[in-house]
Amino acid sequence: MNPAAVYILNQPEPYRSMLMHVQTVIEQAILGIELKYKWHMPCYYVGKRPICYIRQSKDYVDVAFWHSSYITKYTEHLIGEKRKIVKSLRYKTLEQINDTVLRSILEEVHLYKDKSFYKKER
């Protein structure tokens, strides 16, 4: 079994259900996305480019995006706490997961997957 899938299945409830729900949304939103296990957490890649990672941390599930500087929609939902590049959506309950927001951010990040993580201003 894929180590990333094992990571998800080994999480206690309610985090396991939350991670599985997020996993389903991600895999439906971006065709050809691949779940890998990097840096001791599940990471999603399109080809060789990382799109996001998911993990259970403290009392929430984190869905983090490397290309966050390109996100223009739903930025009020993103948390950048003590991070220079990565921003994330955080969920403490399954009911907090807004599929529309998650899909929109995933689609936007996917558009810029071939760009640098740092947005270069002109």
PDB file of N, CA and C in Angstrom:
ATOM      1  N   MET A   1       0.846  -1.185   0.000  1.00  0.00           N
ATOM      2  CA  MET A   1       0.000   0.000   0.000  1.00  0.00           C
ATOM      3  C   MET A   1       0.890   1.246   0.000  1.00  0.00           C
ATOM      4  N   ASN A   2       0.426   2.263  -0.681  1.00  0.00           N
ATOM      5  CA  ASN A   2       1.120   3.544  -0.748  1.00  0.00           C
ATOM      6  C   ASN A   2       1.318   4.106   0.673  1.00  0.00           C
ATOM      7  N   PRO A   3       2.545   4.500   1.037  1.00  0.00           N
ATOM      8  CA  PRO A   3       2.789   5.047   2.383  1.00  0.00           C
ATOM      9  C   PRO A   3       1.928   6.271   2.705  1.00  0.00           C
ATOM     10  N   ALA A   4       1.585   7.059   1.693  1.00  0.00           N
ATOM     11  CA  ALA A   4       0.724   8.222   1.923  1.00  0.00           C
ATOM     12  C   ALA A   4      -0.675   7.774   2.338  1.00  0.00           C
ATOM     13  N   ALA A   5      -1.178   6.723   1.706  1.00  0.00           N
ATOM     14  CA  ALA A   5      -2.490   6.180   2.068  1.00  0.00           C
ATOM     15  C   ALA A   5      -2.447   5.586   3.474  1.00  0.00           C
ATOM     16  N   VAL A   6      -1.354   4.930   3.810  1.00  0.00           N
ATOM     17  CA  VAL A   6      -1.179   4.371   5.158  1.00  0.00           C
ATOM     18  C   VAL A   6      -1.192   5.500   6.191  1.00  0.00           C
ATOM     19  N   TYR A   7      -0.497   6.605   5.895  1.00  0.00           N
ATOM     20  CA  TYR A   7      -0.481   7.771   6.783  1.00  0.00           C
ATOM     21  C   TYR A   7      -1.911   8.223   7.073  1.00  0.00           C
ATOM     22  N   ILE A   8      -2.707   8.370   6.018  1.00  0.00           N
ATOM     23  CA  ILE A   8      -4.086   8.837   6.167  1.00  0.00           C
ATOM     24  C   ILE A   8      -4.902   7.849   7.000  1.00  0.00           C
ATOM     25  N   LEU A   9      -4.803   6.578   6.677  1.00  0.00           N
ATOM     26  CA  LEU A   9      -5.586   5.561   7.384  1.00  0.00           C
ATOM     27  C   LEU A   9      -5.176   5.391   8.845  1.00  0.00           C
ATOM     28  N   ASN A  10      -3.945   5.741   9.178  1.00  0.00           N
ATOM     29  CA  ASN A  10      -3.457   5.606  10.553  1.00  0.00           C
ATOM     30  C   ASN A  10      -3.811   6.788  11.453  1.00  0.00           C
ATOM     31  N   GLN A  11      -4.419   7.823  10.904  1.00  0.00           N
ATOM     32  CA  GLN A  11      -4.779   8.983  11.719  1.00  0.00           C
ATOM     33  C   GLN A  11      -6.028   8.674  12.538  1.00  0.00           C
ATOM     34  N   PRO A  12      -6.112   9.215  13.744  1.00  0.00           N
ATOM     35  CA  PRO A  12      -7.316   8.997  14.558  1.00  0.00           C
ATOM     36  C   PRO A  12      -8.500   9.791  13.994  1.00  0.00           C
ATOM     37  N   GLU A  13      -9.687   9.343  14.324  1.00  0.00           N
ATOM     38  CA  GLU A  13     -10.888  10.110  13.956  1.00  0.00           C
ATOM     39  C   GLU A  13     -10.948  11.355  14.832  1.00  0.00           C
ATOM     40  N   PRO A  14     -11.446  12.466  14.370  1.00  0.00           N
ATOM     41  CA  PRO A  14     -12.117  12.713  13.098  1.00  0.00           C
ATOM     42  C   PRO A  14     -11.156  13.053  11.955  1.00  0.00           C
ATOM     43  N   TYR A  15      -9.850  13.084  12.243  1.00  0.00           N
ATOM     44  CA  TYR A  15      -8.876  13.530  11.237  1.00  0.00           C
ATOM     45  C   TYR A  15      -8.805  12.594  10.036  1.00  0.00           C
ATOM     46  N   ARG A  16      -8.956  11.297  10.270  1.00  0.00           N
ATOM     47  CA  ARG A  16      -8.924  10.342   9.154  1.00  0.00           C
ATOM     48  C   ARG A  16     -10.038  10.665   8.152  1.00  0.00           C
ATOM     49  N   SER A  17     -11.248  10.878   8.648  1.00  0.00           N
ATOM     50  CA  SER A  17     -12.376  11.200   7.764  1.00  0.00           C
ATOM     51  C   SER A  17     -12.149  12.514   7.029  1.00  0.00           C
ATOM     52  N   MET A  18     -11.592  13.481   7.725  1.00  0.00           N
ATOM     53  CA  MET A  18     -11.315  14.778   7.106  1.00  0.00           C
ATOM     54  C   MET A  18     -10.266  14.638   6.007  1.00  0.00           C
ATOM     55  N   LEU A  19      -9.193  13.911   6.292  1.00  0.00           N
ATOM     56  CA  LEU A  19      -8.141  13.699   5.293  1.00  0.00           C
ATOM     57  C   LEU A  19      -8.672  12.927   4.090  1.00  0.00           C
ATOM     58  N   MET A  20      -9.509  11.936   4.337  1.00  0.00           N
ATOM     59  CA  MET A  20     -10.077  11.157   3.233  1.00  0.00           C
ATOM     60  C   MET A  20     -11.007  12.017   2.376  1.00  0.00           C
ATOM     61  N   HIS A  21     -11.757  12.894   3.005  1.00  0.00           N
ATOM     62  CA  HIS A  21     -12.632  13.794   2.252  1.00  0.00           C
ATOM     63  C   HIS A  21     -11.808  14.752   1.390  1.00  0.00           C
ATOM     64  N   VAL A  22     -10.796  15.357   1.990  1.00  0.00           N
ATOM     65  CA  VAL A  22      -9.913  16.269   1.252  1.00  0.00           C
ATOM     66  C   VAL A  22      -9.234  15.522   0.104  1.00  0.00           C
ATOM     67  N   GLN A  23      -8.799  14.309   0.366  1.00  0.00           N
ATOM     68  CA  GLN A  23      -8.162  13.478  -0.659  1.00  0.00           C
ATOM     69  C   GLN A  23      -9.101  13.293  -1.855  1.00  0.00           C
ATOM     70  N   THR A  24     -10.347  12.995  -1.593  1.00  0.00           N
ATOM     71  CA  THR A  24     -11.332  12.798  -2.661  1.00  0.00           C
ATOM     72  C   THR A  24     -11.533  14.078  -3.471  1.00  0.00           C
ATOM     73  N   VAL A  25     -11.672  15.204  -2.793  1.00  0.00           N
ATOM     74  CA  VAL A  25     -11.866  16.484  -3.488  1.00  0.00           C
ATOM     75  C   VAL A  25     -10.664  16.794  -4.374  1.00  0.00           C
ATOM     76  N   ILE A  26      -9.457  16.626  -3.844  1.00  0.00           N
ATOM     77  CA  ILE A  26      -8.236  16.912  -4.611  1.00  0.00           C
ATOM     78  C   ILE A  26      -8.158  16.021  -5.846  1.00  0.00           C
ATOM     79  N   GLU A  27      -8.399  14.740  -5.670  1.00  0.00           N
ATOM     80  CA  GLU A  27      -8.254  13.798  -6.782  1.00  0.00           C
ATOM     81  C   GLU A  27      -9.335  13.977  -7.841  1.00  0.00           C
ATOM     82  N   GLN A  28     -10.483  14.538  -7.474  1.00  0.00           N
ATOM     83  CA  GLN A  28     -11.520  14.839  -8.457  1.00  0.00           C
ATOM     84  C   GLN A  28     -11.287  16.180  -9.141  1.00  0.00           C
ATOM     85  N   ALA A  29     -10.623  17.100  -8.463  1.00  0.00           N
ATOM     86  CA  ALA A  29     -10.433  18.453  -8.997  1.00  0.00           C
ATOM     87  C   ALA A  29      -9.347  18.529 -10.066  1.00  0.00           C
ATOM     88  N   ILE A  30      -8.300  17.724  -9.935  1.00  0.00           N
ATOM     89  CA  ILE A  30      -7.164  17.808 -10.866  1.00  0.00           C
ATOM     90  C   ILE A  30      -6.897  16.437 -11.466  1.00  0.00           C
ATOM     91  N   LEU A  31      -7.127  16.323 -12.758  1.00  0.00           N
ATOM     92  CA  LEU A  31      -6.862  15.062 -13.453  1.00  0.00           C
ATOM     93  C   LEU A  31      -5.364  14.797 -13.500  1.00  0.00           C
ATOM     94  N   GLY A  32      -4.989  13.560 -13.304  1.00  0.00           N
ATOM     95  CA  GLY A  32      -3.581  13.180 -13.398  1.00  0.00           C
ATOM     96  C   GLY A  32      -2.755  13.504 -12.171  1.00  0.00           C
ATOM     97  N   ILE A  33      -3.398  13.940 -11.096  1.00  0.00           N
ATOM     98  CA  ILE A  33      -2.652  14.249  -9.875  1.00  0.00           C
ATOM     99  C   ILE A  33      -2.246  12.936  -9.207  1.00  0.00           C
ATOM    100  N   GLU A  34      -1.071  12.943  -8.596  1.00  0.00           N
ATOM    101  CA  GLU A  34      -0.530  11.716  -8.002  1.00  0.00           C
ATOM    102  C   GLU A  34      -0.206  11.938  -6.530  1.00  0.00           C
ATOM    103  N   LEU A  35      -0.643  11.007  -5.699  1.00  0.00           N
ATOM    104  CA  LEU A  35      -0.381  11.061  -4.264  1.00  0.00           C
ATOM    105  C   LEU A  35       0.937  10.356  -3.972  1.00  0.00           C
ATOM    106  N   LYS A  36       1.874  11.098  -3.362  1.00  0.00           N
ATOM    107  CA  LYS A  36       3.175  10.540  -2.986  1.00  0.00           C
ATOM    108  C   LYS A  36       3.399  10.788  -1.496  1.00  0.00           C
ATOM    109  N   TYR A  37       4.393  10.120  -0.953  1.00  0.00           N
ATOM    110  CA  TYR A  37       4.745  10.306   0.453  1.00  0.00           C
ATOM    111  C   TYR A  37       6.119  10.952   0.506  1.00  0.00           C
ATOM    112  N   LYS A  38       6.156  12.247   0.821  1.00  0.00           N
ATOM    113  CA  LYS A  38       7.407  13.001   0.893  1.00  0.00           C
ATOM    114  C   LYS A  38       7.458  13.743   2.224  1.00  0.00           C
ATOM    115  N   TRP A  39       8.625  13.857   2.783  1.00  0.00           N
ATOM    116  CA  TRP A  39       8.825  14.606   4.030  1.00  0.00           C
ATOM    117  C   TRP A  39       7.882  14.119   5.137  1.00  0.00           C
ATOM    118  N   HIS A  40       7.617  12.822   5.168  1.00  0.00           N
ATOM    119  CA  HIS A  40       6.777  12.184   6.183  1.00  0.00           C
ATOM    120  C   HIS A  40       5.324  12.647   6.152  1.00  0.00           C
ATOM    121  N   MET A  41       4.824  13.027   4.968  1.00  0.00           N
ATOM    122  CA  MET A  41       3.420  13.423   4.831  1.00  0.00           C
ATOM    123  C   MET A  41       2.946  13.203   3.395  1.00  0.00           C
ATOM    124  N   PRO A  42       1.635  13.078   3.195  1.00  0.00           N
ATOM    125  CA  PRO A  42       1.086  12.911   1.849  1.00  0.00           C
ATOM    126  C   PRO A  42       1.217  14.205   1.044  1.00  0.00           C
ATOM    127  N   CYS A  43       1.787  14.088  -0.147  1.00  0.00           N
ATOM    128  CA  CYS A  43       1.971  15.235  -1.040  1.00  0.00           C
ATOM    129  C   CYS A  43       1.366  14.909  -2.399  1.00  0.00           C
ATOM    130  N   TYR A  44       0.757  15.900  -3.007  1.00  0.00           N
ATOM    131  CA  TYR A  44       0.185  15.722  -4.339  1.00  0.00           C
ATOM    132  C   TYR A  44       1.074  16.382  -5.379  1.00  0.00           C
ATOM    133  N   TYR A  45       1.320  15.622  -6.452  1.00  0.00           N
ATOM    134  CA  TYR A  45       2.169  16.073  -7.552  1.00  0.00           C
ATOM    135  C   TYR A  45       1.428  15.948  -8.876  1.00  0.00           C
ATOM    136  N   VAL A  46       1.724  16.870  -9.788  1.00  0.00           N
ATOM    137  CA  VAL A  46       1.349  16.730 -11.192  1.00  0.00           C
ATOM    138  C   VAL A  46       2.675  16.657 -11.926  1.00  0.00           C
ATOM    139  N   GLY A  47       2.983  15.490 -12.458  1.00  0.00           N
ATOM    140  CA  GLY A  47       4.308  15.272 -13.035  1.00  0.00           C
ATOM    141  C   GLY A  47       5.342  15.359 -11.924  1.00  0.00           C
ATOM    142  N   LYS A  48       6.341  16.215 -12.127  1.00  0.00           N
ATOM    143  CA  LYS A  48       7.390  16.393 -11.114  1.00  0.00           C
ATOM    144  C   LYS A  48       7.134  17.592 -10.207  1.00  0.00           C
ATOM    145  N   ARG A  49       6.011  18.281 -10.421  1.00  0.00           N
ATOM    146  CA  ARG A  49       5.736  19.509  -9.680  1.00  0.00           C
ATOM    147  C   ARG A  49       4.791  19.274  -8.502  1.00  0.00           C
ATOM    148  N   PRO A  50       5.204  19.688  -7.308  1.00  0.00           N
ATOM    149  CA  PRO A  50       4.315  19.563  -6.154  1.00  0.00           C
ATOM    150  C   PRO A  50       3.178  20.584  -6.233  1.00  0.00           C
ATOM    151  N   ILE A  51       1.992  20.159  -5.850  1.00  0.00           N
ATOM    152  CA  ILE A  51       0.824  21.037  -5.850  1.00  0.00           C
ATOM    153  C   ILE A  51       0.450  21.414  -4.414  1.00  0.00           C
ATOM    154  N   CYS A  52       0.316  20.395  -3.559  1.00  0.00           N
ATOM    155  CA  CYS A  52      -0.066  20.649  -2.171  1.00  0.00           C
ATOM    156  C   CYS A  52       0.295  19.442  -1.313  1.00  0.00           C
ATOM    157  N   TYR A  53       0.223  19.632  -0.017  1.00  0.00           N
ATOM    158  CA  TYR A  53       0.355  18.496   0.894  1.00  0.00           C
ATOM    159  C   TYR A  53      -0.768  18.563   1.915  1.00  0.00           C
ATOM    160  N   ILE A  54      -1.074  17.397   2.474  1.00  0.00           N
ATOM    161  CA  ILE A  54      -2.112  17.321   3.500  1.00  0.00           C
ATOM    162  C   ILE A  54      -1.530  16.605   4.715  1.00  0.00           C
ATOM    163  N   ARG A  55      -1.960  17.048   5.895  1.00  0.00           N
ATOM    164  CA  ARG A  55      -1.468  16.394   7.104  1.00  0.00           C
ATOM    165  C   ARG A  55      -2.346  16.765   8.285  1.00  0.00           C
ATOM    166  N   GLN A  56      -2.269  15.923   9.285  1.00  0.00           N
ATOM    167  CA  GLN A  56      -2.936  16.209  10.544  1.00  0.00           C
ATOM    168  C   GLN A  56      -1.893  16.829  11.454  1.00  0.00           C
ATOM    169  N   SER A  57      -2.229  17.965  12.039  1.00  0.00           N
ATOM    170  CA  SER A  57      -1.297  18.665  12.909  1.00  0.00           C
ATOM    171  C   SER A  57      -2.081  19.245  14.084  1.00  0.00           C
ATOM    172  N   LYS A  58      -1.589  19.021  15.270  1.00  0.00           N
ATOM    173  CA  LYS A  58      -2.256  19.499  16.488  1.00  0.00           C
ATOM    174  C   LYS A  58      -3.717  19.078  16.475  1.00  0.00           C
ATOM    175  N   ASP A  59      -4.624  20.058  16.388  1.00  0.00           N
ATOM    176  CA  ASP A  59      -6.058  19.742  16.425  1.00  0.00           C
ATOM    177  C   ASP A  59      -6.761  20.105  15.116  1.00  0.00           C
ATOM    178  N   TYR A  60      -6.042  20.011  13.995  1.00  0.00           N
ATOM    179  CA  TYR A  60      -6.632  20.364  12.703  1.00  0.00           C
ATOM    180  C   TYR A  60      -5.979  19.574  11.568  1.00  0.00           C
ATOM    181  N   VAL A  61      -6.625  19.647  10.409  1.00  0.00           N
ATOM    182  CA  VAL A  61      -6.066  19.105   9.171  1.00  0.00           C
ATOM    183  C   VAL A  61      -5.592  20.293   8.347  1.00  0.00           C
ATOM    184  N   ASP A  62      -4.387  20.198   7.846  1.00  0.00           N
ATOM    185  CA  ASP A  62      -3.742  21.254   7.073  1.00  0.00           C
ATOM    186  C   ASP A  62      -3.693  20.838   5.604  1.00  0.00           C
ATOM    187  N   VAL A  63      -4.172  21.703   4.705  1.00  0.00           N
ATOM    188  CA  VAL A  63      -4.036  21.505   3.257  1.00  0.00           C
ATOM    189  C   VAL A  63      -3.194  22.678   2.782  1.00  0.00           C
ATOM    190  N   ALA A  64      -1.921  22.417   2.499  1.00  0.00           N
ATOM    191  CA  ALA A  64      -0.967  23.497   2.249  1.00  0.00           C
ATOM    192  C   ALA A  64      -0.553  23.557   0.784  1.00  0.00           C
ATOM    193  N   PHE A  65      -0.371  24.784   0.296  1.00  0.00           N
ATOM    194  CA  PHE A  65      -0.066  25.041  -1.111  1.00  0.00           C
ATOM    195  C   PHE A  65       1.261  25.771  -1.243  1.00  0.00           C
ATOM    196  N   TRP A  66       2.159  25.226  -2.085  1.00  0.00           N
ATOM    197  CA  TRP A  66       3.448  25.874  -2.314  1.00  0.00           C
ATOM    198  C   TRP A  66       3.313  27.111  -3.199  1.00  0.00           C
ATOM    199  N   HIS A  67       2.420  27.080  -4.163  1.00  0.00           N
ATOM    200  CA  HIS A  67       2.257  28.199  -5.097  1.00  0.00           C
ATOM    201  C   HIS A  67       1.244  29.221  -4.571  1.00  0.00           C
ATOM    202  N   SER A  68       1.230  29.438  -3.296  1.00  0.00           N
ATOM    203  CA  SER A  68       0.213  30.291  -2.677  1.00  0.00           C
ATOM    204  C   SER A  68       0.294  31.749  -3.119  1.00  0.00           C
ATOM    205  N   SER A  69       1.445  32.195  -3.583  1.00  0.00           N
ATOM    206  CA  SER A  69       1.566  33.595  -4.007  1.00  0.00           C
ATOM    207  C   SER A  69       0.740  33.889  -5.258  1.00  0.00           C
ATOM    208  N   TYR A  70       0.293  32.868  -5.962  1.00  0.00           N
ATOM    209  CA  TYR A  70      -0.519  33.044  -7.164  1.00  0.00           C
ATOM    210  C   TYR A  70      -2.019  32.979  -6.878  1.00  0.00           C
ATOM    211  N   ILE A  71      -2.386  32.650  -5.682  1.00  0.00           N
ATOM    212  CA  ILE A  71      -3.802  32.507  -5.341  1.00  0.00           C
ATOM    213  C   ILE A  71      -4.425  33.891  -5.171  1.00  0.00           C
ATOM    214  N   THR A  72      -5.524  34.121  -5.899  1.00  0.00           N
ATOM    215  CA  THR A  72      -6.204  35.415  -5.820  1.00  0.00           C
ATOM    216  C   THR A  72      -7.621  35.294  -5.255  1.00  0.00           C
ATOM    217  N   LYS A  73      -8.194  34.087  -5.300  1.00  0.00           N
ATOM    218  CA  LYS A  73      -9.558  33.881  -4.800  1.00  0.00           C
ATOM    219  C   LYS A  73      -9.508  33.242  -3.411  1.00  0.00           C
ATOM    220  N   TYR A  74     -10.428  33.630  -2.580  1.00  0.00           N
ATOM    221  CA  TYR A  74     -10.593  33.043  -1.238  1.00  0.00           C
ATOM    222  C   TYR A  74      -9.340  33.177  -0.366  1.00  0.00           C
ATOM    223  N   THR A  75      -8.582  34.230  -0.564  1.00  0.00           N
ATOM    224  CA  THR A  75      -7.354  34.411   0.220  1.00  0.00           C
ATOM    225  C   THR A  75      -7.640  34.595   1.712  1.00  0.00           C
ATOM    226  N   GLU A  76      -8.843  35.033   2.035  1.00  0.00           N
ATOM    227  CA  GLU A  76      -9.200  35.218   3.446  1.00  0.00           C
ATOM    228  C   GLU A  76      -9.264  33.890   4.202  1.00  0.00           C
ATOM    229  N   HIS A  77      -9.318  32.784   3.476  1.00  0.00           N
ATOM    230  CA  HIS A  77      -9.354  31.459   4.099  1.00  0.00           C
ATOM    231  C   HIS A  77      -7.953  30.885   4.335  1.00  0.00           C
ATOM    232  N   LEU A  78      -6.942  31.518   3.749  1.00  0.00           N
ATOM    233  CA  LEU A  78      -5.580  30.973   3.814  1.00  0.00           C
ATOM    234  C   LEU A  78      -4.826  31.461   5.043  1.00  0.00           C
ATOM    235  N   ILE A  79      -4.035  30.568   5.603  1.00  0.00           N
ATOM    236  CA  ILE A  79      -3.224  30.882   6.780  1.00  0.00           C
ATOM    237  C   ILE A  79      -1.756  30.733   6.400  1.00  0.00           C
ATOM    238  N   GLY A  80      -0.968  31.769   6.668  1.00  0.00           N
ATOM    239  CA  GLY A  80       0.445  31.743   6.327  1.00  0.00           C
ATOM    240  C   GLY A  80       1.350  31.709   7.538  1.00  0.00           C
ATOM    241  N   GLU A  81       0.796  31.605   8.702  1.00  0.00           N
ATOM    242  CA  GLU A  81       1.452  31.576   9.998  1.00  0.00           C
ATOM    243  C   GLU A  81       2.913  31.107   9.992  1.00  0.00           C
ATOM    244  N   LYS A  82       3.828  32.043  10.206  1.00  0.00           N
ATOM    245  CA  LYS A  82       5.269  31.771  10.336  1.00  0.00           C
ATOM    246  C   LYS A  82       5.854  31.047   9.119  1.00  0.00           C
ATOM    247  N   ARG A  83       5.294  31.288   7.950  1.00  0.00           N
ATOM    248  CA  ARG A  83       5.798  30.666   6.724  1.00  0.00           C
ATOM    249  C   ARG A  83       6.037  31.750   5.682  1.00  0.00           C
ATOM    250  N   LYS A  84       7.090  31.587   4.919  1.00  0.00           N
ATOM    251  CA  LYS A  84       7.409  32.572   3.892  1.00  0.00           C
ATOM    252  C   LYS A  84       6.655  32.319   2.595  1.00  0.00           C
ATOM    253  N   ILE A  85       6.492  31.067   2.222  1.00  0.00           N
ATOM    254  CA  ILE A  85       5.904  30.738   0.925  1.00  0.00           C
ATOM    255  C   ILE A  85       4.588  29.992   1.063  1.00  0.00           C
ATOM    256  N   VAL A  86       4.563  28.961   1.844  1.00  0.00           N
ATOM    257  CA  VAL A  86       3.405  28.069   1.944  1.00  0.00           C
ATOM    258  C   VAL A  86       2.270  28.731   2.724  1.00  0.00           C
ATOM    259  N   LYS A  87       1.050  28.581   2.179  1.00  0.00           N
ATOM    260  CA  LYS A  87      -0.160  28.983   2.894  1.00  0.00           C
ATOM    261  C   LYS A  87      -1.106  27.798   2.865  1.00  0.00           C
ATOM    262  N   SER A  88      -1.980  27.744   3.851  1.00  0.00           N
ATOM    263  CA  SER A  88      -2.822  26.554   3.941  1.00  0.00           C
ATOM    264  C   SER A  88      -4.251  26.863   4.355  1.00  0.00           C
ATOM    265  N   LEU A  89      -5.098  25.893   4.052  1.00  0.00           N
ATOM    266  CA  LEU A  89      -6.459  25.858   4.566  1.00  0.00           C
ATOM    267  C   LEU A  89      -6.419  24.939   5.778  1.00  0.00           C
ATOM    268  N   ARG A  90      -7.053  25.352   6.866  1.00  0.00           N
ATOM    269  CA  ARG A  90      -7.058  24.534   8.078  1.00  0.00           C
ATOM    270  C   ARG A  90      -8.487  24.213   8.475  1.00  0.00           C
ATOM    271  N   TYR A  91      -8.676  22.950   8.817  1.00  0.00           N
ATOM    272  CA  TYR A  91     -10.008  22.480   9.178  1.00  0.00           C
ATOM    273  C   TYR A  91      -9.956  21.729  10.502  1.00  0.00           C
ATOM    274  N   LYS A  92     -10.857  22.105  11.414  1.00  0.00           N
ATOM    275  CA  LYS A  92     -10.941  21.416  12.703  1.00  0.00           C
ATOM    276  C   LYS A  92     -12.085  20.409  12.739  1.00  0.00           C
ATOM    277  N   THR A  93     -13.016  20.529  11.802  1.00  0.00           N
ATOM    278  CA  THR A  93     -14.121  19.574  11.707  1.00  0.00           C
ATOM    279  C   THR A  93     -14.393  19.270  10.238  1.00  0.00           C
ATOM    280  N   LEU A  94     -15.026  18.156   9.989  1.00  0.00           N
ATOM    281  CA  LEU A  94     -15.395  17.770   8.627  1.00  0.00           C
ATOM    282  C   LEU A  94     -16.360  18.791   8.027  1.00  0.00           C
ATOM    283  N   GLU A  95     -17.231  19.333   8.856  1.00  0.00           N
ATOM    284  CA  GLU A  95     -18.227  20.301   8.392  1.00  0.00           C
ATOM    285  C   GLU A  95     -17.597  21.618   7.937  1.00  0.00           C
ATOM    286  N   GLN A  96     -16.413  21.940   8.419  1.00  0.00           N
ATOM    287  CA  GLN A  96     -15.737  23.179   8.019  1.00  0.00           C
ATOM    288  C   GLN A  96     -15.177  23.117   6.599  1.00  0.00           C
ATOM    289  N   ILE A  97     -15.021  21.942   6.054  1.00  0.00           N
ATOM    290  CA  ILE A  97     -14.418  21.803   4.729  1.00  0.00           C
ATOM    291  C   ILE A  97     -15.402  22.302   3.678  1.00  0.00           C
ATOM    292  N   ASN A  98     -15.003  23.360   2.986  1.00  0.00           N
ATOM    293  CA  ASN A  98     -15.813  23.945   1.927  1.00  0.00           C
ATOM    294  C   ASN A  98     -15.234  23.460   0.599  1.00  0.00           C
ATOM    295  N   ASP A  99     -15.918  22.509  -0.029  1.00  0.00           N
ATOM    296  CA  ASP A  99     -15.418  21.911  -1.268  1.00  0.00           C
ATOM    297  C   ASP A  99     -15.222  22.948  -2.370  1.00  0.00           C
ATOM    298  N   THR A 100     -16.102  23.936  -2.448  1.00  0.00           N
ATOM    299  CA  THR A 100     -16.008  24.967  -3.486  1.00  0.00           C
ATOM    300  C   THR A 100     -14.724  25.765  -3.337  1.00  0.00           C
ATOM    301  N   VAL A 101     -14.413  26.180  -2.121  1.00  0.00           N
ATOM    302  CA  VAL A 101     -13.183  26.943  -1.863  1.00  0.00           C
ATOM    303  C   VAL A 101     -11.963  26.084  -2.170  1.00  0.00           C
ATOM    304  N   LEU A 102     -11.953  24.862  -1.695  1.00  0.00           N
ATOM    305  CA  LEU A 102     -10.814  23.968  -1.917  1.00  0.00           C
ATOM    306  C   LEU A 102     -10.601  23.725  -3.406  1.00  0.00           C
ATOM    307  N   ARG A 103     -11.665  23.415  -4.144  1.00  0.00           N
ATOM    308  CA  ARG A 103     -11.542  23.178  -5.591  1.00  0.00           C
ATOM    309  C   ARG A 103     -11.035  24.414  -6.318  1.00  0.00           C
ATOM    310  N   SER A 104     -11.568  25.567  -5.976  1.00  0.00           N
ATOM    311  CA  SER A 104     -11.168  26.814  -6.629  1.00  0.00           C
ATOM    312  C   SER A 104      -9.680  27.087  -6.430  1.00  0.00           C
ATOM    313  N   ILE A 105      -9.207  26.924  -5.209  1.00  0.00           N
ATOM    314  CA  ILE A 105      -7.785  27.148  -4.923  1.00  0.00           C
ATOM    315  C   ILE A 105      -6.931  26.113  -5.646  1.00  0.00           C
ATOM    316  N   LEU A 106      -7.360  24.868  -5.658  1.00  0.00           N
ATOM    317  CA  LEU A 106      -6.614  23.820  -6.369  1.00  0.00           C
ATOM    318  C   LEU A 106      -6.507  24.133  -7.858  1.00  0.00           C
ATOM    319  N   GLU A 107      -7.610  24.562  -8.464  1.00  0.00           N
ATOM    320  CA  GLU A 107      -7.600  24.884  -9.891  1.00  0.00           C
ATOM    321  C   GLU A 107      -6.667  26.053 -10.181  1.00  0.00           C
ATOM    322  N   GLU A 108      -6.673  27.047  -9.312  1.00  0.00           N
ATOM    323  CA  GLU A 108      -5.809  28.208  -9.502  1.00  0.00           C
ATOM    324  C   GLU A 108      -4.334  27.832  -9.344  1.00  0.00           C
ATOM    325  N   VAL A 109      -4.022  27.057  -8.335  1.00  0.00           N
ATOM    326  CA  VAL A 109      -2.645  26.611  -8.110  1.00  0.00           C
ATOM    327  C   VAL A 109      -2.171  25.742  -9.277  1.00  0.00           C
ATOM    328  N   HIS A 110      -3.057  24.910  -9.784  1.00  0.00           N
ATOM    329  CA  HIS A 110      -2.709  24.032 -10.908  1.00  0.00           C
ATOM    330  C   HIS A 110      -2.316  24.839 -12.148  1.00  0.00           C
ATOM    331  N   LEU A 111      -2.955  25.988 -12.358  1.00  0.00           N
ATOM    332  CA  LEU A 111      -2.616  26.846 -13.502  1.00  0.00           C
ATOM    333  C   LEU A 111      -1.162  27.318 -13.459  1.00  0.00           C
ATOM    334  N   TYR A 112      -0.623  27.477 -12.259  1.00  0.00           N
ATOM    335  CA  TYR A 112       0.727  28.026 -12.085  1.00  0.00           C
ATOM    336  C   TYR A 112       1.742  26.981 -11.648  1.00  0.00           C
ATOM    337  N   LYS A 113       1.428  25.720 -11.836  1.00  0.00           N
ATOM    338  CA  LYS A 113       2.300  24.641 -11.355  1.00  0.00           C
ATOM    339  C   LYS A 113       3.696  24.681 -11.960  1.00  0.00           C
ATOM    340  N   ASP A 114       3.838  25.238 -13.161  1.00  0.00           N
ATOM    341  CA  ASP A 114       5.147  25.283 -13.812  1.00  0.00           C
ATOM    342  C   ASP A 114       5.933  26.549 -13.485  1.00  0.00           C
ATOM    343  N   LYS A 115       5.353  27.427 -12.700  1.00  0.00           N
ATOM    344  CA  LYS A 115       6.031  28.660 -12.294  1.00  0.00           C
ATOM    345  C   LYS A 115       6.815  28.425 -11.002  1.00  0.00           C
ATOM    346  N   SER A 116       7.698  29.355 -10.702  1.00  0.00           N
ATOM    347  CA  SER A 116       8.446  29.323  -9.444  1.00  0.00           C
ATOM    348  C   SER A 116       7.478  29.523  -8.275  1.00  0.00           C
ATOM    349  N   PHE A 117       7.824  28.996  -7.108  1.00  0.00           N
ATOM    350  CA  PHE A 117       6.998  29.211  -5.919  1.00  0.00           C
ATOM    351  C   PHE A 117       6.916  30.694  -5.580  1.00  0.00           C
ATOM    352  N   TYR A 118       7.995  31.418  -5.880  1.00  0.00           N
ATOM    353  CA  TYR A 118       8.039  32.855  -5.640  1.00  0.00           C
ATOM    354  C   TYR A 118       7.424  33.567  -6.825  1.00  0.00           C
ATOM    355  N   LYS A 119       6.455  34.424  -6.584  1.00  0.00           N
ATOM    356  CA  LYS A 119       5.855  35.193  -7.668  1.00  0.00           C
ATOM    357  C   LYS A 119       6.758  36.378  -7.948  1.00  0.00           C
ATOM    358  N   LYS A 120       7.212  36.471  -9.165  1.00  0.00           N
ATOM    359  CA  LYS A 120       8.122  37.547  -9.545  1.00  0.00           C
ATOM    360  C   LYS A 120       7.307  38.735 -10.052  1.00  0.00           C
ATOM    361  N   GLU A 121       7.468  39.868  -9.411  1.00  0.00           N
ATOM    362  CA  GLU A 121       6.772  41.095  -9.820  1.00  0.00           C
ATOM    363  C   GLU A 121       7.552  41.757 -10.945  1.00  0.00           C
ATOM    364  N   ARG A 122       6.838  42.404 -11.841  1.00  0.00           N
ATOM    365  CA  ARG A 122       7.505  43.097 -12.958  1.00  0.00           C
ATOM    366  C   ARG A 122       7.701  44.538 -12.642  1.00  0.00           C
TER     367      ARG A 122
END
